[in-house]
Amino acid sequence: MSIKLAEQLRQGTTKSHSMAENVSFVKSFLGGVVDKKAYRQLVANLYFVYMAIEEQMLLNKYHPLVQPIYFAELNRQCSLEKDLLYYYGDAWQDEIQISEATQMYVKRIHAVGASQPALLVAHAYTRYMGDLSGGQILKKIAQNAMNLSDNDGLAFYDFQEISDDFEFKNHYRKQLNAIPVNQEQIADIIAEANIAFTLNMKMFQELNSSFIKIMLMLFVNAIGNLKISSKFFNK
């Protein structure tokens, strides 16, 4: 009986997936509440993450466990650069900063790529399958919530070299199942995928903290304006 890595990965990360979706920032996003400042920081964070994933995938593309799922058409770095240009302007490379949680995530990806490249399978699966599965829904939410016209600031969600997302996901799962792994290696890949989900959660929690600070500042400013108005009208 063949070992179905794709199915085991899906089942083995169900709890982590659910926890990630319940982080306040993600719940707010899914509910259509998207702060542009927090969102552009998310785009910057993802840029650093994908730069690390894509660098390590390229360096290890001939590794027997990585090669079956190495697809250059999935790469997001160039798309994220377009979005960063939109949100930050021409000087985006000087403007963006890597957050603490993102730094931890990137460090993990590079460490895995250098010492245990087989575990890159977990990081590629966690990010790319999620992007393909929920990308168009998230794109529409972001577009509506931030009143974006056309595809401005939304290049991340467009896989221009993939004509059929559903068909490609099925092909990706088949390629996952074609990876020559034993049960011990599968357990290691699932454990790493859960680490990847945790690192994503930390990144989202950090954004949520920024979002709350922004909302508090707006609230304080609104109260201040009300007091000024009250003094004016009570003269």
C-alpha atoms as a PDB file:
ATOM      1  CA  MET A   1       0.000   0.000   0.000  1.00  0.00           C
ATOM      2  CA  SER A   2       1.493   3.367  -1.051  1.00  0.00           C
ATOM      3  CA  ILE A   3       2.001   6.120   1.503  1.00  0.00           C
ATOM      4  CA  LYS A   4      -0.177   9.128   0.653  1.00  0.00           C
ATOM      5  CA  LEU A   5       1.869  12.078   1.868  1.00  0.00           C
ATOM      6  CA  ALA A   6      -0.678  14.668   0.683  1.00  0.00           C
ATOM      7  CA  GLU A   7      -3.522  13.169   2.724  1.00  0.00           C
ATOM      8  CA  GLN A   8      -1.363  12.613   5.803  1.00  0.00           C
ATOM      9  CA  LEU A   9      -0.136  16.204   5.622  1.00  0.00           C
ATOM     10  CA  ARG A  10      -3.699  17.497   5.395  1.00  0.00           C
ATOM     11  CA  GLN A  11      -4.885  15.383   8.341  1.00  0.00           C
ATOM     12  CA  GLY A  12      -1.761  16.035  10.404  1.00  0.00           C
ATOM     13  CA  THR A  13      -2.103  19.821  10.172  1.00  0.00           C
ATOM     14  CA  THR A  14      -5.888  20.163  10.590  1.00  0.00           C
ATOM     15  CA  LYS A  15      -5.655  21.447  14.173  1.00  0.00           C
ATOM     16  CA  SER A  16      -2.875  23.942  13.337  1.00  0.00           C
ATOM     17  CA  HIS A  17      -4.805  25.141  10.286  1.00  0.00           C
ATOM     18  CA  SER A  18      -7.880  25.777  12.424  1.00  0.00           C
ATOM     19  CA  MET A  19      -5.840  27.611  15.079  1.00  0.00           C
ATOM     20  CA  ALA A  20      -4.243  29.843  12.433  1.00  0.00           C
ATOM     21  CA  GLU A  21      -7.680  30.763  11.057  1.00  0.00           C
ATOM     22  CA  ASN A  22      -8.816  31.772  14.558  1.00  0.00           C
ATOM     23  CA  VAL A  23      -6.091  34.355  15.159  1.00  0.00           C
ATOM     24  CA  SER A  24      -7.890  37.707  15.551  1.00  0.00           C
ATOM     25  CA  PHE A  25      -6.162  39.332  12.577  1.00  0.00           C
ATOM     26  CA  VAL A  26      -7.208  36.461  10.279  1.00  0.00           C
ATOM     27  CA  LYS A  27     -10.767  36.424  11.645  1.00  0.00           C
ATOM     28  CA  SER A  28     -11.049  40.179  11.111  1.00  0.00           C
ATOM     29  CA  PHE A  29      -9.672  39.802   7.592  1.00  0.00           C
ATOM     30  CA  LEU A  30     -12.137  37.027   6.738  1.00  0.00           C
ATOM     31  CA  GLY A  31     -14.903  39.218   8.193  1.00  0.00           C
ATOM     32  CA  GLY A  32     -13.963  42.023   5.806  1.00  0.00           C
ATOM     33  CA  VAL A  33     -12.200  44.252   8.349  1.00  0.00           C
ATOM     34  CA  VAL A  34      -8.809  45.030   6.810  1.00  0.00           C
ATOM     35  CA  ASP A  35      -6.579  47.865   7.973  1.00  0.00           C
ATOM     36  CA  LYS A  36      -4.418  49.083   5.079  1.00  0.00           C
ATOM     37  CA  LYS A  37      -1.391  49.794   7.277  1.00  0.00           C
ATOM     38  CA  ALA A  38      -1.479  46.330   8.861  1.00  0.00           C
ATOM     39  CA  TYR A  39      -2.113  44.749   5.459  1.00  0.00           C
ATOM     40  CA  ARG A  40       0.887  46.377   3.821  1.00  0.00           C
ATOM     41  CA  GLN A  41       3.035  45.106   6.717  1.00  0.00           C
ATOM     42  CA  LEU A  42       1.631  41.636   5.992  1.00  0.00           C
ATOM     43  CA  VAL A  43       2.712  42.032   2.346  1.00  0.00           C
ATOM     44  CA  ALA A  44       6.201  43.031   3.523  1.00  0.00           C
ATOM     45  CA  ASN A  45       6.351  40.058   5.908  1.00  0.00           C
ATOM     46  CA  LEU A  46       5.284  37.665   3.170  1.00  0.00           C
ATOM     47  CA  TYR A  47       7.926  39.105   0.857  1.00  0.00           C
ATOM     48  CA  PHE A  48      10.674  38.118   3.304  1.00  0.00           C
ATOM     49  CA  VAL A  49       9.103  34.675   3.851  1.00  0.00           C
ATOM     50  CA  TYR A  50       8.754  33.873   0.147  1.00  0.00           C
ATOM     51  CA  MET A  51      12.199  35.215  -0.628  1.00  0.00           C
ATOM     52  CA  ALA A  52      13.566  32.669   1.883  1.00  0.00           C
ATOM     53  CA  ILE A  53      11.375  29.772   0.678  1.00  0.00           C
ATOM     54  CA  GLU A  54      12.131  30.416  -2.988  1.00  0.00           C
ATOM     55  CA  GLU A  55      15.852  30.840  -2.401  1.00  0.00           C
ATOM     56  CA  GLN A  56      16.052  27.543  -0.518  1.00  0.00           C
ATOM     57  CA  MET A  57      13.776  25.685  -2.950  1.00  0.00           C
ATOM     58  CA  LEU A  58      15.994  26.818  -5.841  1.00  0.00           C
ATOM     59  CA  LEU A  59      19.197  25.806  -4.023  1.00  0.00           C
ATOM     60  CA  ASN A  60      17.709  22.386  -3.264  1.00  0.00           C
ATOM     61  CA  LYS A  61      15.592  21.794  -6.374  1.00  0.00           C
ATOM     62  CA  TYR A  62      17.513  18.627  -7.316  1.00  0.00           C
ATOM     63  CA  HIS A  63      17.091  17.074  -3.877  1.00  0.00           C
ATOM     64  CA  PRO A  64      15.043  13.863  -4.390  1.00  0.00           C
ATOM     65  CA  LEU A  65      12.339  14.969  -1.941  1.00  0.00           C
ATOM     66  CA  VAL A  66      12.143  18.570  -3.165  1.00  0.00           C
ATOM     67  CA  GLN A  67      12.353  18.042  -6.934  1.00  0.00           C
ATOM     68  CA  PRO A  68       8.829  16.551  -7.387  1.00  0.00           C
ATOM     69  CA  ILE A  69       7.195  19.702  -5.957  1.00  0.00           C
ATOM     70  CA  TYR A  70       9.539  22.330  -7.364  1.00  0.00           C
ATOM     71  CA  PHE A  71       7.371  24.564  -9.567  1.00  0.00           C
ATOM     72  CA  ALA A  72       8.801  27.969 -10.500  1.00  0.00           C
ATOM     73  CA  GLU A  73       5.293  29.064 -11.551  1.00  0.00           C
ATOM     74  CA  LEU A  74       4.313  29.138  -7.860  1.00  0.00           C
ATOM     75  CA  ASN A  75       6.936  31.745  -6.980  1.00  0.00           C
ATOM     76  CA  ARG A  76       5.485  34.826  -5.270  1.00  0.00           C
ATOM     77  CA  GLN A  77       8.492  37.082  -4.751  1.00  0.00           C
ATOM     78  CA  CYS A  78       8.060  39.105  -7.976  1.00  0.00           C
ATOM     79  CA  SER A  79       4.296  39.474  -7.393  1.00  0.00           C
ATOM     80  CA  LEU A  80       4.922  40.728  -3.868  1.00  0.00           C
ATOM     81  CA  GLU A  81       7.446  43.250  -5.199  1.00  0.00           C
ATOM     82  CA  LYS A  82       4.671  44.716  -7.386  1.00  0.00           C
ATOM     83  CA  ASP A  83       2.394  44.983  -4.352  1.00  0.00           C
ATOM     84  CA  LEU A  84       5.136  46.579  -2.244  1.00  0.00           C
ATOM     85  CA  LEU A  85       5.666  49.161  -4.973  1.00  0.00           C
ATOM     86  CA  TYR A  86       1.935  49.955  -4.815  1.00  0.00           C
ATOM     87  CA  TYR A  87       1.728  50.214  -1.000  1.00  0.00           C
ATOM     88  CA  TYR A  88       5.095  51.830  -0.226  1.00  0.00           C
ATOM     89  CA  GLY A  89       6.093  53.602  -3.454  1.00  0.00           C
ATOM     90  CA  ASP A  90       9.365  53.623  -5.388  1.00  0.00           C
ATOM     91  CA  ALA A  91      11.485  53.545  -2.233  1.00  0.00           C
ATOM     92  CA  TRP A  92       9.772  50.386  -0.888  1.00  0.00           C
ATOM     93  CA  GLN A  93      13.082  48.564  -0.387  1.00  0.00           C
ATOM     94  CA  ASP A  94      14.177  51.272   2.052  1.00  0.00           C
ATOM     95  CA  GLU A  95      10.746  51.493   3.686  1.00  0.00           C
ATOM     96  CA  ILE A  96       9.987  47.879   4.577  1.00  0.00           C
ATOM     97  CA  GLN A  97      11.292  46.254   7.739  1.00  0.00           C
ATOM     98  CA  ILE A  98      11.242  42.622   8.743  1.00  0.00           C
ATOM     99  CA  SER A  99       9.208  42.027  11.902  1.00  0.00           C
ATOM    100  CA  GLU A 100      10.444  39.953  14.846  1.00  0.00           C
ATOM    101  CA  ALA A 101       8.075  37.046  14.161  1.00  0.00           C
ATOM    102  CA  THR A 102       8.912  37.091  10.449  1.00  0.00           C
ATOM    103  CA  GLN A 103      12.622  37.019  11.298  1.00  0.00           C
ATOM    104  CA  MET A 104      12.060  33.814  13.285  1.00  0.00           C
ATOM    105  CA  TYR A 105      10.145  32.310  10.357  1.00  0.00           C
ATOM    106  CA  VAL A 106      12.833  33.218   7.808  1.00  0.00           C
ATOM    107  CA  LYS A 107      15.596  31.923  10.085  1.00  0.00           C
ATOM    108  CA  ARG A 108      13.798  28.574  10.348  1.00  0.00           C
ATOM    109  CA  ILE A 109      13.416  28.255   6.560  1.00  0.00           C
ATOM    110  CA  HIS A 110      17.129  28.917   5.978  1.00  0.00           C
ATOM    111  CA  ALA A 111      18.133  26.509   8.756  1.00  0.00           C
ATOM    112  CA  VAL A 112      15.967  23.753   7.266  1.00  0.00           C
ATOM    113  CA  GLY A 113      17.253  24.410   3.750  1.00  0.00           C
ATOM    114  CA  ALA A 114      20.860  24.200   4.937  1.00  0.00           C
ATOM    115  CA  SER A 115      20.629  21.126   7.165  1.00  0.00           C
ATOM    116  CA  GLN A 116      17.385  19.219   6.384  1.00  0.00           C
ATOM    117  CA  PRO A 117      16.223  20.204   2.882  1.00  0.00           C
ATOM    118  CA  ALA A 118      13.593  17.436   2.837  1.00  0.00           C
ATOM    119  CA  LEU A 119      11.622  19.522   5.351  1.00  0.00           C
ATOM    120  CA  LEU A 120      11.273  22.317   2.793  1.00  0.00           C
ATOM    121  CA  VAL A 121       8.377  20.202   1.516  1.00  0.00           C
ATOM    122  CA  ALA A 122       6.464  21.231   4.661  1.00  0.00           C
ATOM    123  CA  HIS A 123       7.089  24.955   4.153  1.00  0.00           C
ATOM    124  CA  ALA A 124       6.218  24.876   0.454  1.00  0.00           C
ATOM    125  CA  TYR A 125       3.024  22.889   1.168  1.00  0.00           C
ATOM    126  CA  THR A 126       1.905  25.194   3.997  1.00  0.00           C
ATOM    127  CA  ARG A 127       2.233  28.407   2.019  1.00  0.00           C
ATOM    128  CA  TYR A 128       1.558  27.525  -1.625  1.00  0.00           C
ATOM    129  CA  MET A 129      -1.407  25.195  -1.104  1.00  0.00           C
ATOM    130  CA  GLY A 130      -2.975  27.802   1.165  1.00  0.00           C
ATOM    131  CA  ASP A 131      -2.404  30.523  -1.435  1.00  0.00           C
ATOM    132  CA  LEU A 132      -3.964  28.454  -4.203  1.00  0.00           C
ATOM    133  CA  SER A 133      -6.901  27.301  -2.057  1.00  0.00           C
ATOM    134  CA  GLY A 134      -8.054  30.592  -0.549  1.00  0.00           C
ATOM    135  CA  GLY A 135      -6.307  33.166  -2.696  1.00  0.00           C
ATOM    136  CA  GLN A 136      -9.214  34.351  -4.820  1.00  0.00           C
ATOM    137  CA  ILE A 137     -11.548  34.663  -1.817  1.00  0.00           C
ATOM    138  CA  LEU A 138      -8.946  36.654   0.137  1.00  0.00           C
ATOM    139  CA  LYS A 139      -8.258  38.804  -2.903  1.00  0.00           C
ATOM    140  CA  LYS A 140     -11.932  39.770  -3.159  1.00  0.00           C
ATOM    141  CA  ILE A 141     -12.143  40.514   0.592  1.00  0.00           C
ATOM    142  CA  ALA A 142      -9.020  42.721   0.464  1.00  0.00           C
ATOM    143  CA  GLN A 143     -10.249  44.478  -2.670  1.00  0.00           C
ATOM    144  CA  ASN A 144     -13.635  45.323  -1.155  1.00  0.00           C
ATOM    145  CA  ALA A 145     -12.360  46.195   2.334  1.00  0.00           C
ATOM    146  CA  MET A 146      -9.652  48.572   1.104  1.00  0.00           C
ATOM    147  CA  ASN A 147     -11.565  49.896  -1.935  1.00  0.00           C
ATOM    148  CA  LEU A 148      -8.841  48.807  -4.333  1.00  0.00           C
ATOM    149  CA  SER A 149      -9.441  49.267  -8.034  1.00  0.00           C
ATOM    150  CA  ASP A 150      -8.733  46.469 -10.491  1.00  0.00           C
ATOM    151  CA  ASN A 151      -5.721  44.452  -9.315  1.00  0.00           C
ATOM    152  CA  ASP A 152      -3.843  47.307  -7.636  1.00  0.00           C
ATOM    153  CA  GLY A 153      -1.954  45.929  -4.636  1.00  0.00           C
ATOM    154  CA  LEU A 154      -3.283  42.409  -5.241  1.00  0.00           C
ATOM    155  CA  ALA A 155      -0.660  40.812  -7.515  1.00  0.00           C
ATOM    156  CA  PHE A 156       0.181  38.322  -4.756  1.00  0.00           C
ATOM    157  CA  TYR A 157      -3.080  36.460  -5.385  1.00  0.00           C
ATOM    158  CA  ASP A 158      -2.613  36.094  -9.149  1.00  0.00           C
ATOM    159  CA  PHE A 159      -0.787  33.007 -10.389  1.00  0.00           C
ATOM    160  CA  GLN A 160      -0.444  34.133 -13.979  1.00  0.00           C
ATOM    161  CA  GLU A 161       1.381  31.001 -15.112  1.00  0.00           C
ATOM    162  CA  ILE A 162      -1.293  28.682 -13.695  1.00  0.00           C
ATOM    163  CA  SER A 163      -4.428  28.557 -15.828  1.00  0.00           C
ATOM    164  CA  ASP A 164      -6.508  26.271 -13.586  1.00  0.00           C
ATOM    165  CA  ASP A 165      -5.947  26.421  -9.807  1.00  0.00           C
ATOM    166  CA  PHE A 166      -8.045  23.308  -9.105  1.00  0.00           C
ATOM    167  CA  GLU A 167      -6.235  21.210 -11.696  1.00  0.00           C
ATOM    168  CA  PHE A 168      -2.841  22.426 -10.497  1.00  0.00           C
ATOM    169  CA  LYS A 169      -3.653  21.587  -6.854  1.00  0.00           C
ATOM    170  CA  ASN A 170      -4.562  18.040  -7.872  1.00  0.00           C
ATOM    171  CA  HIS A 171      -1.291  17.763  -9.781  1.00  0.00           C
ATOM    172  CA  TYR A 172       0.606  19.136  -6.765  1.00  0.00           C
ATOM    173  CA  ARG A 173      -0.999  16.514  -4.494  1.00  0.00           C
ATOM    174  CA  LYS A 174      -0.019  13.770  -6.949  1.00  0.00           C
ATOM    175  CA  GLN A 175       3.538  15.070  -6.918  1.00  0.00           C
ATOM    176  CA  LEU A 176       3.528  15.096  -3.107  1.00  0.00           C
ATOM    177  CA  ASN A 177       2.456  11.459  -3.186  1.00  0.00           C
ATOM    178  CA  ALA A 178       5.253  10.699  -5.652  1.00  0.00           C
ATOM    179  CA  ILE A 179       7.938  11.863  -3.202  1.00  0.00           C
ATOM    180  CA  PRO A 180      10.003   8.834  -2.106  1.00  0.00           C
ATOM    181  CA  VAL A 181       9.449   8.921   1.658  1.00  0.00           C
ATOM    182  CA  ASN A 182       9.041   6.415   4.475  1.00  0.00           C
ATOM    183  CA  GLN A 183       6.696   6.822   7.445  1.00  0.00           C
ATOM    184  CA  GLU A 184       9.409   8.312   9.655  1.00  0.00           C
ATOM    185  CA  GLN A 185      10.151  11.007   7.064  1.00  0.00           C
ATOM    186  CA  ILE A 186       6.432  11.730   6.718  1.00  0.00           C
ATOM    187  CA  ALA A 187       6.193  12.237  10.499  1.00  0.00           C
ATOM    188  CA  ASP A 188       9.108  14.711  10.307  1.00  0.00           C
ATOM    189  CA  ILE A 189       7.504  16.620   7.402  1.00  0.00           C
ATOM    190  CA  ILE A 190       4.151  16.815   9.241  1.00  0.00           C
ATOM    191  CA  ALA A 191       5.900  18.069  12.396  1.00  0.00           C
ATOM    192  CA  GLU A 192       7.675  20.738  10.342  1.00  0.00           C
ATOM    193  CA  ALA A 193       4.409  21.752   8.660  1.00  0.00           C
ATOM    194  CA  ASN A 194       2.908  22.305  12.119  1.00  0.00           C
ATOM    195  CA  ILE A 195       5.925  24.452  13.007  1.00  0.00           C
ATOM    196  CA  ALA A 196       5.315  26.432   9.792  1.00  0.00           C
ATOM    197  CA  PHE A 197       1.681  27.002  10.804  1.00  0.00           C
ATOM    198  CA  THR A 198       2.808  28.161  14.263  1.00  0.00           C
ATOM    199  CA  LEU A 199       5.283  30.606  12.705  1.00  0.00           C
ATOM    200  CA  ASN A 200       2.506  31.958  10.477  1.00  0.00           C
ATOM    201  CA  MET A 201       0.285  32.359  13.543  1.00  0.00           C
ATOM    202  CA  LYS A 202       2.963  34.350  15.364  1.00  0.00           C
ATOM    203  CA  MET A 203       3.283  36.601  12.341  1.00  0.00           C
ATOM    204  CA  PHE A 204      -0.499  37.154  12.283  1.00  0.00           C
ATOM    205  CA  GLN A 205      -0.647  37.745  16.050  1.00  0.00           C
ATOM    206  CA  GLU A 206       2.013  40.421  15.679  1.00  0.00           C
ATOM    207  CA  LEU A 207      -0.117  42.108  12.993  1.00  0.00           C
ATOM    208  CA  ASN A 208      -3.145  41.891  15.250  1.00  0.00           C
ATOM    209  CA  SER A 209      -1.219  43.733  17.958  1.00  0.00           C
ATOM    210  CA  SER A 210      -0.380  46.503  15.451  1.00  0.00           C
ATOM    211  CA  PHE A 211      -4.007  46.608  14.299  1.00  0.00           C
ATOM    212  CA  ILE A 212      -5.248  47.003  17.908  1.00  0.00           C
ATOM    213  CA  LYS A 213      -2.749  49.828  18.518  1.00  0.00           C
ATOM    214  CA  ILE A 214      -3.994  51.632  15.396  1.00  0.00           C
ATOM    215  CA  MET A 215      -7.637  51.219  16.469  1.00  0.00           C
ATOM    216  CA  LEU A 216      -6.814  52.521  19.980  1.00  0.00           C
ATOM    217  CA  MET A 217      -5.031  55.545  18.508  1.00  0.00           C
ATOM    218  CA  LEU A 218      -8.040  56.283  16.292  1.00  0.00           C
ATOM    219  CA  PHE A 219     -10.341  55.891  19.308  1.00  0.00           C
ATOM    220  CA  VAL A 220      -8.220  58.227  21.468  1.00  0.00           C
ATOM    221  CA  ASN A 221      -8.066  60.772  18.645  1.00  0.00           C
ATOM    222  CA  ALA A 222     -11.835  60.546  18.172  1.00  0.00           C
ATOM    223  CA  ILE A 223     -12.413  61.136  21.915  1.00  0.00           C
ATOM    224  CA  GLY A 224     -10.007  64.086  21.790  1.00  0.00           C
ATOM    225  CA  ASN A 225     -11.905  65.582  18.856  1.00  0.00           C
ATOM    226  CA  LEU A 226     -15.217  65.113  20.675  1.00  0.00           C
ATOM    227  CA  LYS A 227     -13.860  67.002  23.706  1.00  0.00           C
ATOM    228  CA  ILE A 228     -12.673  69.859  21.475  1.00  0.00           C
ATOM    229  CA  SER A 229     -16.083  69.989  19.779  1.00  0.00           C
ATOM    230  CA  SER A 230     -17.835  69.951  23.166  1.00  0.00           C
ATOM    231  CA  LYS A 231     -15.738  72.910  24.439  1.00  0.00           C
ATOM    232  CA  PHE A 232     -16.450  74.819  21.253  1.00  0.00           C
ATOM    233  CA  PHE A 233     -20.210  74.336  21.429  1.00  0.00           C
ATOM    234  CA  ASN A 234     -20.390  75.031  25.182  1.00  0.00           C
ATOM    235  CA  LYS A 235     -18.802  78.472  24.857  1.00  0.00           C
END
